Amino acid sequence: MSTEYESLKQLFQQEFSKMVAVISKQFGLQHMETAEDIVSDTFLQAAETWGVKGIPENPAAWLYAVAKQKTLYQFRRNKTFEEKVVPQIGANANTTGELNFSEQSIKDSQLQMLFAVCNPAIAGEAQIGLALRILCGFGIDEIAEAFFSNKETINKRLSRAKEKLRAEKVNMELPPENTLAGRLDNVLHIIYLLFSEGYFSKTQNQVLRKELCAEAIRLAILLTEYNRTNLPKTNALLALMCFHASRFDARQACSPEEGFILYDNQDEALWDTELIRRGIRFLSRATQGSEISSYHLEARIASLHCRKEDTPEKWEEILDLYDQLLLMKYSPAVVLNRIYALYRVNGISEALAEAEKLKWDNNHFYFLLLGELVKNDDKKRAVFYFQKAMNLSKTQTEKNAIKQKLKEIQSPSL
């Protein structure tokens, strides 16, 4: 793969979302698809021109200049601009066709686009898909791979979402003060789901998985650059993602057949200490204020997992945090993680009694937990639980990881 291709691909991911946001801001979300077409055509022209003349000294400025020309032509031809666009965007709108690609304009446009894309009128999966396409610059192929889907399904999902934005007449603007908190909650939720698509992804594409996590962190950082959205819960989510992402490389197995490496077996030397430091800074900022969100509790738990040494005090704090989290946000994952923390604090008997009360026969994580609890005392029973977990797991990555556990537990050396 040529250096020029890699450079253009990287530039596309960096600039596509900025350019679409600025054009959509000026002419309205109802013209989002036109904005995408203009930007895509701009990059096509760049590929053709730069292939002959080489990459210009300032490629972003070149792209902005060409996009301005194409936008002006697009909206003025066949009287489309005067007859359709101007009445829709109002008499006071900037109708000169001159786009503002200044750094501040780009940031403003992307922030407003973030709230527009994460409008609760759109289905959750479609919000993530739009975020990947419009805010992160991912191609349809990459989005399809991330969702373990196909291009046709993704295109239909995105088309329905854009139509919904038009039908609901969603504007690119920050919500009013009285609704901002609720809307921000949804934006943070979508960003965390986007991060999870990378961190717990079904795809074997390690580069794509890491890029998904990086883009989620970038969007959250964008929120911290504005006073109205730079709230404690925003910083708490950022801290949580930084702590998780810091162990990304240590979590990845050498080969797809091995699945992923569990926490206890990770090489601490592979942890990203800079991301851990950033997580600590964001978590410190998150403590400014009286609100405690689920992100605060999860971030504190994740920070404790970034200290490999095991102490009774560490697991007692983790157990207490999970107790608080259950009161705030009940979920099977929290329940199972709490039981594991209970095992580390009070031992196997109490934890196993709690787990066996659940009887979650269709949850592979449940059987994984049971296997972990009994593997040192009853290997035969552990094998049974791990095999149940493997049969119920839905992704090959998880199946491979469980196969590794079975291989280890059945090894004669044990």
Protein backbone atom coordinates (compact mmCIF):
# COMPACT_ATOMS: atom_id res chain seq x y z
CA MET A 1 0.00 0.00 0.00
CA SER A 2 1.62 3.31 -1.10
CA THR A 3 2.61 6.12 1.26
CA GLU A 4 0.44 8.53 -0.77
CA TYR A 5 -2.61 6.28 -0.26
CA GLU A 6 -2.00 6.04 3.49
CA SER A 7 -1.53 9.81 3.74
CA LEU A 8 -4.76 10.49 1.85
CA LYS A 9 -6.67 7.92 3.92
CA GLN A 10 -5.45 9.51 7.15
CA LEU A 11 -6.27 12.98 5.85
CA PHE A 12 -9.76 11.80 4.83
CA GLN A 13 -10.49 10.59 8.34
CA GLN A 14 -9.17 13.82 9.86
CA GLU A 15 -10.80 16.32 7.50
CA PHE A 16 -13.96 14.64 6.15
CA SER A 17 -15.96 15.19 9.33
CA LYS A 18 -14.78 18.79 9.69
CA MET A 19 -15.77 19.72 6.16
CA VAL A 20 -19.15 17.98 6.27
CA ALA A 21 -19.93 19.69 9.60
CA VAL A 22 -19.08 23.18 8.32
CA ILE A 23 -21.06 22.77 5.08
CA SER A 24 -24.04 21.26 6.90
CA LYS A 25 -23.93 24.05 9.48
CA GLN A 26 -24.14 26.70 6.76
CA PHE A 27 -26.79 25.11 4.57
CA GLY A 28 -28.74 22.95 7.00
CA LEU A 29 -28.83 19.29 7.99
CA GLN A 30 -31.37 18.60 5.25
CA HIS A 31 -28.42 18.95 2.85
CA MET A 32 -26.10 16.63 4.80
CA GLU A 33 -25.94 14.07 1.98
CA THR A 34 -25.06 16.82 -0.49
CA ALA A 35 -22.30 17.93 1.87
CA GLU A 36 -20.98 14.36 2.00
CA ASP A 37 -21.02 14.18 -1.81
CA ILE A 38 -19.15 17.48 -2.11
CA VAL A 39 -16.46 16.41 0.34
CA SER A 40 -16.11 12.96 -1.25
CA ASP A 41 -15.77 14.59 -4.67
CA THR A 42 -13.16 16.94 -3.22
CA PHE A 43 -11.09 14.00 -2.04
CA LEU A 44 -11.51 12.27 -5.40
CA GLN A 45 -10.11 15.36 -7.11
CA ALA A 46 -7.28 15.41 -4.55
CA ALA A 47 -6.39 11.80 -5.33
CA GLU A 48 -6.32 12.52 -9.06
CA THR A 49 -4.41 15.80 -8.79
CA TRP A 50 -1.95 14.81 -6.09
CA GLY A 51 -1.20 11.58 -7.91
CA VAL A 52 0.27 13.68 -10.71
CA LYS A 53 1.55 16.81 -8.94
CA GLY A 54 2.27 15.39 -5.50
CA ILE A 55 0.76 16.31 -2.15
CA PRO A 56 0.68 20.11 -1.64
CA GLU A 57 2.54 21.79 1.23
CA ASN A 58 -0.73 22.47 3.08
CA PRO A 59 -3.13 19.67 2.01
CA ALA A 60 -5.94 20.73 4.39
CA ALA A 61 -5.96 24.28 2.97
CA TRP A 62 -6.06 22.83 -0.56
CA LEU A 63 -9.05 20.68 0.37
CA TYR A 64 -10.90 23.60 1.99
CA ALA A 65 -10.35 25.80 -1.07
CA VAL A 66 -11.64 23.15 -3.50
CA ALA A 67 -14.58 22.33 -1.23
CA LYS A 68 -15.56 26.02 -1.15
CA GLN A 69 -15.59 26.15 -4.97
CA LYS A 70 -17.60 22.94 -5.28
CA THR A 71 -20.08 24.05 -2.62
CA LEU A 72 -20.67 27.39 -4.30
CA TYR A 73 -21.23 25.68 -7.64
CA GLN A 74 -23.46 22.98 -6.19
CA PHE A 75 -25.86 25.33 -4.43
CA ARG A 76 -26.04 27.97 -7.16
CA ARG A 77 -26.56 25.76 -10.18
CA ASN A 78 -30.06 25.45 -11.60
CA LYS A 79 -31.22 28.14 -9.17
CA THR A 80 -31.25 25.52 -6.39
CA PHE A 81 -29.63 27.93 -3.99
CA GLU A 82 -32.07 30.83 -4.46
CA GLU A 83 -35.23 28.79 -4.84
CA LYS A 84 -34.76 26.01 -2.26
CA VAL A 85 -31.90 26.70 0.13
CA VAL A 86 -32.44 30.36 1.01
CA PRO A 87 -36.13 29.93 2.00
CA GLN A 88 -35.22 26.99 4.22
CA ILE A 89 -32.30 28.54 6.08
CA GLY A 90 -33.92 31.95 6.50
CA ALA A 91 -33.34 35.50 5.40
CA ASN A 92 -30.70 36.20 8.07
CA ALA A 93 -28.53 33.20 7.21
CA ASN A 94 -25.15 33.51 5.51
CA THR A 95 -26.10 32.78 1.92
CA THR A 96 -22.92 33.91 0.22
CA GLY A 97 -21.63 30.37 -0.15
CA GLU A 98 -18.36 31.41 1.52
CA LEU A 99 -17.49 28.71 4.02
CA ASN A 100 -15.57 29.43 7.21
CA PHE A 101 -12.97 26.73 7.78
CA SER A 102 -11.26 28.48 10.68
CA GLU A 103 -10.30 26.28 13.63
CA GLN A 104 -13.02 27.79 15.84
CA SER A 105 -15.70 27.43 13.16
CA ILE A 106 -14.77 23.79 12.65
CA LYS A 107 -14.95 23.07 16.39
CA ASP A 108 -18.30 24.87 16.73
CA SER A 109 -19.72 23.01 13.74
CA GLN A 110 -18.50 19.62 14.96
CA LEU A 111 -19.91 20.16 18.45
CA GLN A 112 -23.30 21.15 17.04
CA MET A 113 -23.20 18.22 14.63
CA LEU A 114 -22.46 15.91 17.59
CA PHE A 115 -25.67 16.98 19.33
CA ALA A 116 -27.64 16.74 16.08
CA VAL A 117 -26.42 13.22 15.28
CA CYS A 118 -27.08 12.08 18.87
CA ASN A 119 -30.68 13.29 18.75
CA PRO A 120 -32.86 10.80 20.68
CA ALA A 121 -35.35 10.82 17.79
CA ILE A 122 -32.90 8.51 15.97
CA ALA A 123 -32.42 4.86 16.92
CA GLY A 124 -29.31 4.16 19.03
CA GLU A 125 -27.46 2.03 16.47
CA ALA A 126 -28.17 4.63 13.79
CA GLN A 127 -26.76 7.34 16.06
CA ILE A 128 -23.52 5.38 16.39
CA GLY A 129 -23.43 4.76 12.63
CA LEU A 130 -23.97 8.46 11.86
CA ALA A 131 -21.31 9.41 14.41
CA LEU A 132 -18.82 7.06 12.75
CA ARG A 133 -19.62 8.39 9.29
CA ILE A 134 -20.26 12.11 9.84
CA LEU A 135 -18.18 12.85 12.93
CA CYS A 136 -15.33 10.37 12.58
CA GLY A 137 -14.95 10.05 8.80
CA PHE A 138 -15.17 6.25 8.63
CA GLY A 139 -16.08 4.64 5.32
CA ILE A 140 -19.16 2.46 4.86
CA ASP A 141 -16.96 -0.65 4.62
CA GLU A 142 -15.34 0.12 7.96
CA ILE A 143 -18.68 0.82 9.65
CA ALA A 144 -20.09 -2.43 8.28
CA GLU A 145 -17.07 -4.31 9.64
CA ALA A 146 -17.37 -2.62 13.04
CA PHE A 147 -21.02 -3.63 13.29
CA PHE A 148 -20.36 -7.11 11.88
CA SER A 149 -22.83 -6.20 9.13
CA ASN A 150 -22.82 -5.42 5.39
CA LYS A 151 -22.71 -2.26 3.31
CA GLU A 152 -26.33 -2.47 2.19
CA THR A 153 -27.64 -2.70 5.74
CA ILE A 154 -25.44 0.19 6.91
CA ASN A 155 -26.43 2.39 3.97
CA LYS A 156 -30.13 1.78 4.68
CA ARG A 157 -29.64 2.49 8.37
CA LEU A 158 -27.82 5.76 7.67
CA SER A 159 -30.40 6.83 5.06
CA ARG A 160 -33.25 6.27 7.51
CA ALA A 161 -31.40 8.25 10.17
CA LYS A 162 -30.79 11.20 7.83
CA GLU A 163 -34.42 11.15 6.74
CA LYS A 164 -35.43 11.22 10.40
CA LEU A 165 -33.25 14.29 10.95
CA ARG A 166 -35.00 16.00 8.03
CA ALA A 167 -38.47 14.96 9.14
CA GLU A 168 -37.86 16.15 12.71
CA LYS A 169 -36.35 19.39 11.34
CA VAL A 170 -33.31 19.00 13.57
CA ASN A 171 -31.02 22.02 13.47
CA MET A 172 -27.30 22.22 14.07
CA GLU A 173 -27.24 24.10 17.33
CA LEU A 174 -26.55 23.48 20.99
CA PRO A 175 -29.72 22.65 22.93
CA PRO A 176 -31.19 25.40 25.13
CA GLU A 177 -29.97 25.54 28.73
CA ASN A 178 -33.06 23.84 30.17
CA THR A 179 -32.63 20.73 27.99
CA LEU A 180 -28.84 20.59 27.69
CA ALA A 181 -28.26 18.23 30.63
CA GLY A 182 -30.62 15.57 29.26
CA ARG A 183 -29.25 15.87 25.74
CA LEU A 184 -25.66 15.71 27.01
CA ASP A 185 -26.50 12.46 28.80
CA ASN A 186 -27.52 10.95 25.47
CA VAL A 187 -24.39 12.28 23.73
CA LEU A 188 -22.15 10.79 26.43
CA HIS A 189 -24.03 7.49 26.19
CA ILE A 190 -23.49 7.32 22.42
CA ILE A 191 -19.80 8.19 22.80
CA TYR A 192 -19.38 5.39 25.34
CA LEU A 193 -21.21 2.96 23.04
CA LEU A 194 -18.87 4.03 20.24
CA PHE A 195 -15.88 3.36 22.49
CA SER A 196 -17.30 -0.04 23.43
CA GLU A 197 -17.72 -0.93 19.74
CA GLY A 198 -13.94 -0.66 19.54
CA TYR A 199 -12.89 -2.04 22.90
CA PHE A 200 -15.26 -5.02 22.89
CA SER A 201 -15.46 -5.28 19.11
CA LYS A 202 -16.44 -8.41 17.20
CA THR A 203 -14.04 -7.62 14.35
CA GLN A 204 -10.50 -8.98 14.19
CA ASN A 205 -9.27 -5.72 12.62
CA GLN A 206 -7.03 -4.41 15.40
CA VAL A 207 -6.35 -1.07 13.66
CA LEU A 208 -10.06 -0.37 13.23
CA ARG A 209 -10.80 -1.31 16.84
CA LYS A 210 -8.15 1.07 18.15
CA GLU A 211 -9.33 3.87 15.85
CA LEU A 212 -12.90 3.52 17.14
CA CYS A 213 -11.68 3.98 20.71
CA ALA A 214 -9.49 6.94 19.73
CA GLU A 215 -12.38 8.68 17.96
CA ALA A 216 -14.67 8.25 20.98
CA ILE A 217 -12.01 9.87 23.17
CA ARG A 218 -11.58 12.69 20.63
CA LEU A 219 -15.32 13.46 20.64
CA ALA A 220 -15.39 13.54 24.43
CA ILE A 221 -12.40 15.90 24.47
CA LEU A 222 -14.35 18.14 22.07
CA LEU A 223 -17.07 18.41 24.72
CA THR A 224 -14.54 19.52 27.34
CA GLU A 225 -13.51 22.49 25.19
CA TYR A 226 -16.86 24.25 25.80
CA ASN A 227 -17.94 25.49 29.22
CA ARG A 228 -21.53 24.31 28.88
CA THR A 229 -20.50 20.72 28.16
CA ASN A 230 -17.26 20.60 30.17
CA LEU A 231 -19.05 19.06 33.13
CA PRO A 232 -17.80 16.58 35.78
CA LYS A 233 -19.60 13.66 34.11
CA THR A 234 -17.93 14.49 30.77
CA ASN A 235 -14.51 14.33 32.41
CA ALA A 236 -15.49 11.16 34.27
CA LEU A 237 -16.35 9.42 30.99
CA LEU A 238 -13.07 10.62 29.49
CA ALA A 239 -11.18 9.23 32.48
CA LEU A 240 -13.00 5.89 32.16
CA MET A 241 -12.14 5.58 28.46
CA CYS A 242 -8.51 6.56 29.03
CA PHE A 243 -8.08 3.92 31.73
CA HIS A 244 -9.64 1.22 29.56
CA ALA A 245 -7.72 2.29 26.44
CA SER A 246 -4.43 2.28 28.37
CA ARG A 247 -4.63 -1.54 28.52
CA PHE A 248 -5.67 -1.96 24.87
CA ASP A 249 -2.34 -3.34 23.61
CA ALA A 250 -1.87 -5.60 26.64
CA ARG A 251 -5.34 -7.02 26.07
CA GLN A 252 -4.66 -8.04 22.46
CA ALA A 253 -3.44 -11.58 21.89
CA CYS A 254 -0.60 -12.34 19.49
CA SER A 255 -2.94 -14.25 17.17
CA PRO A 256 -6.71 -14.29 16.50
CA GLU A 257 -6.83 -17.91 17.67
CA GLU A 258 -6.00 -16.79 21.21
CA GLY A 259 -8.88 -14.28 21.45
CA PHE A 260 -7.97 -11.62 24.01
CA ILE A 261 -5.79 -11.64 27.11
CA LEU A 262 -7.62 -11.46 30.42
CA TYR A 263 -6.62 -8.91 33.05
CA ASP A 264 -4.71 -11.30 35.35
CA ASN A 265 -2.49 -12.45 32.45
CA GLN A 266 -1.74 -9.02 30.94
CA ASP A 267 1.82 -7.73 30.69
CA GLU A 268 1.85 -4.51 32.71
CA ALA A 269 4.79 -3.26 30.66
CA LEU A 270 2.39 -2.93 27.70
CA TRP A 271 0.05 -0.58 29.56
CA ASP A 272 0.08 2.98 28.19
CA THR A 273 1.27 5.05 31.15
CA GLU A 274 0.55 8.35 29.39
CA LEU A 275 -3.10 7.40 28.94
CA ILE A 276 -3.25 6.38 32.60
CA ARG A 277 -1.86 9.79 33.61
CA ARG A 278 -4.43 11.51 31.40
CA GLY A 279 -7.15 9.39 32.97
CA ILE A 280 -6.02 10.49 36.44
CA ARG A 281 -6.15 14.15 35.36
CA PHE A 282 -9.65 13.82 33.92
CA LEU A 283 -10.84 11.93 37.01
CA SER A 284 -9.48 14.73 39.20
CA ARG A 285 -11.43 17.29 37.14
CA ALA A 286 -14.53 15.11 37.44
CA THR A 287 -14.50 15.59 41.21
CA GLN A 288 -15.18 19.31 40.83
CA GLY A 289 -18.85 19.51 41.74
CA SER A 290 -21.46 17.62 43.73
CA GLU A 291 -22.77 15.28 41.01
CA ILE A 292 -21.65 11.66 41.00
CA SER A 293 -22.57 9.80 37.81
CA SER A 294 -22.16 6.15 36.90
CA TYR A 295 -19.13 7.26 34.86
CA HIS A 296 -17.49 8.49 38.10
CA LEU A 297 -17.90 5.11 39.76
CA GLU A 298 -16.81 3.13 36.69
CA ALA A 299 -13.81 5.40 36.17
CA ARG A 300 -12.68 4.93 39.76
CA ILE A 301 -13.01 1.14 39.37
CA ALA A 302 -11.03 1.28 36.11
CA SER A 303 -8.34 3.40 37.80
CA LEU A 304 -7.93 0.73 40.48
CA HIS A 305 -7.51 -1.88 37.75
CA CYS A 306 -4.63 0.21 36.42
CA ARG A 307 -2.75 -0.78 39.57
CA LYS A 308 -1.72 -4.38 39.05
CA GLU A 309 -0.82 -5.09 42.66
CA ASP A 310 -3.56 -6.83 44.65
CA THR A 311 -4.36 -5.73 48.18
CA PRO A 312 -7.40 -6.37 50.39
CA GLU A 313 -8.01 -2.61 50.49
CA LYS A 314 -8.10 -2.39 46.68
CA TRP A 315 -10.77 -5.09 46.32
CA GLU A 316 -12.79 -3.79 49.25
CA GLU A 317 -13.00 -0.40 47.53
CA ILE A 318 -13.92 -2.04 44.20
CA LEU A 319 -16.70 -4.01 45.92
CA ASP A 320 -18.03 -0.86 47.58
CA LEU A 321 -17.99 0.98 44.24
CA TYR A 322 -19.94 -1.84 42.56
CA ASP A 323 -22.49 -1.72 45.40
CA GLN A 324 -22.99 1.99 44.69
CA LEU A 325 -23.09 1.41 40.93
CA LEU A 326 -25.81 -1.24 41.28
CA LEU A 327 -28.03 1.27 43.06
CA MET A 328 -27.48 3.75 40.26
CA LYS A 329 -27.39 1.53 37.15
CA TYR A 330 -28.45 -2.08 37.39
CA SER A 331 -27.07 -4.31 34.64
CA PRO A 332 -26.01 -7.97 34.34
CA ALA A 333 -22.39 -6.90 33.76
CA VAL A 334 -22.31 -4.87 36.99
CA VAL A 335 -23.91 -7.75 38.93
CA LEU A 336 -21.33 -10.27 37.67
CA ASN A 337 -18.38 -7.93 38.22
CA ARG A 338 -19.61 -7.24 41.76
CA ILE A 339 -19.74 -10.98 42.50
CA TYR A 340 -16.15 -11.36 41.31
CA ALA A 341 -15.12 -8.50 43.61
CA LEU A 342 -17.04 -10.21 46.41
CA TYR A 343 -15.01 -13.37 45.73
CA ARG A 344 -11.77 -11.40 46.04
CA VAL A 345 -12.91 -9.88 49.35
CA ASN A 346 -14.89 -12.62 51.12
CA GLY A 347 -13.88 -15.80 49.33
CA ILE A 348 -15.40 -18.38 47.02
CA SER A 349 -18.28 -19.68 49.17
CA GLU A 350 -20.10 -16.37 49.53
CA ALA A 351 -19.49 -15.38 45.91
CA LEU A 352 -20.58 -18.75 44.55
CA ALA A 353 -23.78 -18.66 46.62
CA GLU A 354 -24.58 -15.21 45.17
CA ALA A 355 -23.84 -16.36 41.62
CA GLU A 356 -25.90 -19.54 41.81
CA LYS A 357 -28.97 -17.55 42.85
CA LEU A 358 -28.98 -15.81 39.45
CA LYS A 359 -29.51 -18.85 37.22
CA TRP A 360 -28.76 -16.84 34.06
CA ASP A 361 -28.68 -19.86 31.79
CA ASN A 362 -28.47 -17.82 28.56
CA ASN A 363 -25.65 -15.49 29.59
CA HIS A 364 -22.17 -16.70 28.63
CA PHE A 365 -20.51 -14.18 30.98
CA TYR A 366 -22.41 -15.85 33.84
CA PHE A 367 -20.86 -19.22 33.04
CA LEU A 368 -17.45 -17.59 32.59
CA LEU A 369 -17.75 -16.22 36.12
CA LEU A 370 -18.81 -19.59 37.51
CA GLY A 371 -15.83 -21.20 35.81
CA GLU A 372 -13.46 -18.61 37.26
CA LEU A 373 -14.86 -19.15 40.75
CA VAL A 374 -14.43 -22.93 40.80
CA LYS A 375 -11.41 -23.51 38.54
CA ASN A 376 -8.91 -23.87 41.41
CA ASP A 377 -11.07 -26.27 43.45
CA ASP A 378 -13.07 -28.26 40.89
CA LYS A 379 -11.48 -28.41 37.44
CA LYS A 380 -14.11 -30.78 36.03
CA ARG A 381 -16.89 -28.43 37.00
CA ALA A 382 -14.92 -25.46 35.66
CA VAL A 383 -14.54 -27.19 32.28
CA PHE A 384 -18.30 -27.74 32.18
CA TYR A 385 -18.96 -24.04 32.86
CA PHE A 386 -16.39 -22.81 30.33
CA GLN A 387 -17.80 -25.11 27.64
CA LYS A 388 -21.27 -23.73 28.36
CA ALA A 389 -19.88 -20.23 28.04
CA MET A 390 -18.19 -21.04 24.73
CA ASN A 391 -21.42 -22.51 23.31
CA LEU A 392 -23.35 -19.37 24.27
CA SER A 393 -20.77 -16.78 23.17
CA LYS A 394 -21.61 -14.98 19.95
CA THR A 395 -18.23 -13.92 18.61
CA GLN A 396 -15.22 -15.89 17.46
CA THR A 397 -12.91 -13.68 19.53
CA GLU A 398 -14.70 -14.70 22.72
CA LYS A 399 -14.80 -18.36 21.70
CA ASN A 400 -11.06 -18.31 21.09
CA ALA A 401 -10.39 -16.74 24.48
CA ILE A 402 -12.50 -19.40 26.21
CA LYS A 403 -10.72 -22.16 24.27
CA GLN A 404 -7.47 -20.83 25.71
CA LYS A 405 -8.90 -21.05 29.23
CA LEU A 406 -10.01 -24.63 28.60
CA LYS A 407 -6.59 -25.48 27.23
CA GLU A 408 -4.90 -24.04 30.31
CA ILE A 409 -7.22 -25.72 32.79
CA GLN A 410 -6.94 -29.12 31.08
CA SER A 411 -3.16 -28.95 30.77
CA PRO A 412 -1.41 -31.89 32.47
CA SER A 413 1.00 -29.44 34.12
CA LEU A 414 -1.86 -28.14 36.24
